[in-house]
Amino acid sequence: MAEKRQHGGQRSGAGRPRSGRDDVAVKIDRAIVAQARFVADARGLSLAEFLSHLLRGSVAQEFTAEAERVKSAEGRASGE
């Protein structure tokens, strides 16, 4: 029975197993990535896991502050 092939000659479903994350690609300075990869490797984490853990709290804090600022600005604009 012939296997279903995708681009690159790999069979369907080949490659890394899917994680529970919803990953996206971003561009980050190469020197920062090299340092982050060093730390992630030393801690037995993937680069994505390390950066996600590192950024999660900071981004949540900044997101909350910005959402409050926007809400406040909308309130002033509507005359509250």
Protein backbone atom coordinates (compact mmCIF):
# COMPACT_ATOMS: atom_id res chain seq x y z
CA MET A 1 0.00 0.00 0.00
CA ALA A 2 1.46 3.38 -1.01
CA GLU A 3 1.96 6.00 1.71
CA LYS A 4 0.43 9.42 1.22
CA ARG A 5 3.29 11.86 0.61
CA GLN A 6 3.42 15.59 1.23
CA HIS A 7 5.87 18.15 -0.10
CA GLY A 8 9.47 17.17 0.50
CA GLY A 9 8.77 13.47 0.18
CA GLN A 10 7.78 13.00 3.80
CA ARG A 11 4.86 10.83 4.68
CA SER A 12 1.82 12.50 6.13
CA GLY A 13 2.20 12.98 9.88
CA ALA A 14 6.00 12.82 9.85
CA GLY A 15 8.06 15.32 11.80
CA ARG A 16 8.06 16.56 15.35
CA PRO A 17 5.11 15.62 17.53
CA ARG A 18 2.66 18.44 18.20
CA SER A 19 2.81 20.12 21.58
CA GLY A 20 -0.10 21.65 23.46
CA ARG A 21 1.17 25.13 22.59
CA ASP A 22 -0.13 27.36 19.83
CA ASP A 23 3.23 28.49 18.42
CA VAL A 24 4.01 31.36 16.06
CA ALA A 25 7.25 32.46 14.43
CA VAL A 26 8.82 35.76 15.51
CA LYS A 27 12.08 37.54 14.70
CA ILE A 28 14.42 38.13 17.64
CA ASP A 29 17.98 39.40 17.64
CA ARG A 30 20.34 36.48 16.95
CA ALA A 31 22.60 37.26 19.94
CA ILE A 32 19.65 37.20 22.34
CA VAL A 33 18.45 33.89 20.89
CA ALA A 34 21.92 32.37 21.28
CA GLN A 35 22.03 33.34 24.96
CA ALA A 36 18.45 32.18 25.55
CA ARG A 37 19.16 28.85 23.83
CA PHE A 38 22.21 28.36 26.08
CA VAL A 39 20.09 28.90 29.21
CA ALA A 40 17.22 26.76 27.88
CA ASP A 41 19.59 23.89 27.06
CA ALA A 42 21.21 24.12 30.51
CA ARG A 43 17.76 23.87 32.11
CA GLY A 44 16.57 21.04 29.88
CA LEU A 45 13.91 23.19 28.19
CA SER A 46 13.14 23.96 24.60
CA LEU A 47 13.83 27.51 23.49
CA ALA A 48 10.07 28.08 23.04
CA GLU A 49 9.33 26.81 26.56
CA PHE A 50 12.03 28.98 28.11
CA LEU A 51 11.03 32.17 26.27
CA SER A 52 7.32 31.58 26.91
CA HIS A 53 7.98 31.11 30.63
CA LEU A 54 10.24 34.16 30.73
CA LEU A 55 7.77 36.42 28.89
CA ARG A 56 4.43 35.20 30.27
CA GLY A 57 4.37 37.35 33.43
CA SER A 58 5.80 40.49 31.82
CA VAL A 59 3.45 40.34 28.86
CA ALA A 60 0.43 39.71 31.09
CA GLN A 61 1.34 42.73 33.21
CA GLU A 62 1.87 44.98 30.18
CA PHE A 63 -1.34 43.69 28.57
CA THR A 64 -3.37 44.53 31.68
CA ALA A 65 -1.85 48.01 31.94
CA GLU A 66 -2.50 48.76 28.26
CA ALA A 67 -6.08 47.44 28.42
CA GLU A 68 -6.74 49.70 31.43
CA ARG A 69 -5.21 52.67 29.61
CA VAL A 70 -7.38 52.07 26.54
CA LYS A 71 -10.50 51.63 28.69
CA SER A 72 -9.73 54.85 30.53
CA ALA A 73 -9.15 56.75 27.26
CA GLU A 74 -12.44 55.43 25.84
CA GLY A 75 -14.24 56.56 28.99
CA ARG A 76 -12.83 60.07 28.66
CA ALA A 77 -13.76 60.18 24.98
CA SER A 78 -17.37 59.25 25.70
CA GLY A 79 -17.67 61.91 28.43
CA GLU A 80 -17.64 59.73 31.52
